[in-house]
C-alpha cells in the first residue's frame, strides 16, 4: 500500500544530489529548504530514500506521511515547484 510523503531537507539541494529521485518526486525549493513530495511504496522504499539523502550528507528537517496514496495527493507547495522537470 502506498503512502504520500513530504520530505523536507535543509538547504537548496541540486538536481544532481537528488539524482535517483528526480523523476519520482515533486520537488520544490525555497532559499532555506528543498521539499520532496510523492508516493512511497513501502517501508523499504522510505528507508532507501532516507538512507540515500543522509548518506550524501543532507540534513533532513522532517519526514511526514500525508496519507494513503489511494486517498491523498502530495501538495509540494513552496516556491519554484517543479514536477519532474529538469530546467537548466
Protein backbone atom coordinates (compact mmCIF):
# COMPACT_ATOMS: atom_id res chain seq x y z
CA UNK A 1 0.00 0.00 0.00
CA UNK A 2 1.45 3.37 -0.98
CA UNK A 3 1.57 6.44 1.22
CA UNK A 4 2.22 10.02 0.16
CA UNK A 5 5.13 11.66 1.99
CA UNK A 6 6.69 15.10 2.25
CA UNK A 7 10.44 15.09 2.98
CA UNK A 8 11.99 18.45 3.85
CA UNK A 9 15.77 18.89 3.51
CA UNK A 10 17.82 21.78 4.88
CA UNK A 11 19.25 23.97 2.12
CA UNK A 12 18.78 24.21 -1.61
CA UNK A 13 19.63 20.77 -2.98
CA UNK A 14 20.77 20.34 -6.59
CA UNK A 15 19.15 18.01 -9.11
CA UNK A 16 22.44 16.10 -9.22
CA UNK A 17 22.25 15.30 -5.50
CA UNK A 18 18.65 14.18 -5.87
CA UNK A 19 19.66 12.05 -8.88
CA UNK A 20 17.77 8.80 -8.45
CA UNK A 21 14.65 10.57 -7.15
CA UNK A 22 14.38 13.47 -9.59
CA UNK A 23 11.57 11.83 -11.60
CA UNK A 24 9.96 10.07 -8.66
CA UNK A 25 9.04 13.12 -6.54
CA UNK A 26 7.68 16.62 -6.98
CA UNK A 27 10.47 18.96 -5.91
CA UNK A 28 10.05 22.45 -4.52
CA UNK A 29 12.82 24.73 -3.40
CA UNK A 30 12.98 27.83 -1.26
CA UNK A 31 16.07 29.72 -0.16
CA UNK A 32 16.28 27.64 3.04
CA UNK A 33 14.99 24.18 2.14
CA UNK A 34 14.15 21.65 -0.54
CA UNK A 35 10.98 19.57 -0.31
CA UNK A 36 10.30 16.23 -1.97
CA UNK A 37 6.65 15.19 -2.20
CA UNK A 38 5.49 11.89 -3.58
CA UNK A 39 4.44 8.31 -3.14
CA UNK A 40 6.39 5.86 -1.03
CA UNK A 41 5.62 2.22 -1.91
CA UNK A 42 6.53 0.58 1.40
CA UNK A 43 8.83 0.92 4.46
CA UNK A 44 11.83 -0.39 2.48
CA UNK A 45 11.34 2.33 -0.14
CA UNK A 46 11.17 5.03 2.56
CA UNK A 47 14.29 3.65 4.22
CA UNK A 48 16.13 3.68 0.89
CA UNK A 49 15.22 7.31 0.17
CA UNK A 50 16.23 8.46 3.67
CA UNK A 51 19.45 6.41 3.54
CA UNK A 52 20.42 7.98 0.20
CA UNK A 53 19.73 11.52 1.33
CA UNK A 54 21.54 11.22 4.67
CA UNK A 55 24.30 9.14 3.07
CA UNK A 56 25.29 12.05 0.83
CA UNK A 57 25.36 14.37 3.83
CA UNK A 58 22.00 16.10 3.55
CA UNK A 59 20.22 17.17 6.73
CA UNK A 60 16.59 16.12 6.93
CA UNK A 61 14.29 18.61 8.65
CA UNK A 62 11.19 16.42 8.53
CA UNK A 63 9.69 13.28 7.03
CA UNK A 64 5.89 13.47 7.11
CA UNK A 65 3.32 10.96 5.90
CA UNK A 66 0.46 12.78 4.20
CA UNK A 67 -1.94 9.90 3.82
CA UNK A 68 -2.54 6.78 1.82
CA UNK A 69 -1.63 7.13 -1.82
CA UNK A 70 -5.09 5.98 -2.83
CA UNK A 71 -6.74 8.71 -0.76
CA UNK A 72 -4.37 11.70 -0.72
CA UNK A 73 -2.26 13.63 -3.19
CA UNK A 74 1.05 15.23 -2.25
CA UNK A 75 0.95 19.01 -2.42
CA UNK A 76 4.53 20.25 -2.88
CA UNK A 77 3.65 23.92 -2.23
CA UNK A 78 6.51 26.33 -1.64
CA UNK A 79 8.24 28.32 -4.32
CA UNK A 80 9.65 27.09 -7.61
CA UNK A 81 7.52 23.94 -7.59
CA UNK A 82 8.79 21.52 -10.20
CA UNK A 83 7.09 18.27 -11.13
CA UNK A 84 9.51 16.02 -12.96
CA UNK A 85 11.08 18.88 -14.90
CA UNK A 86 14.77 19.40 -15.42
CA UNK A 87 15.07 23.12 -16.01
CA UNK A 88 18.61 24.20 -16.73
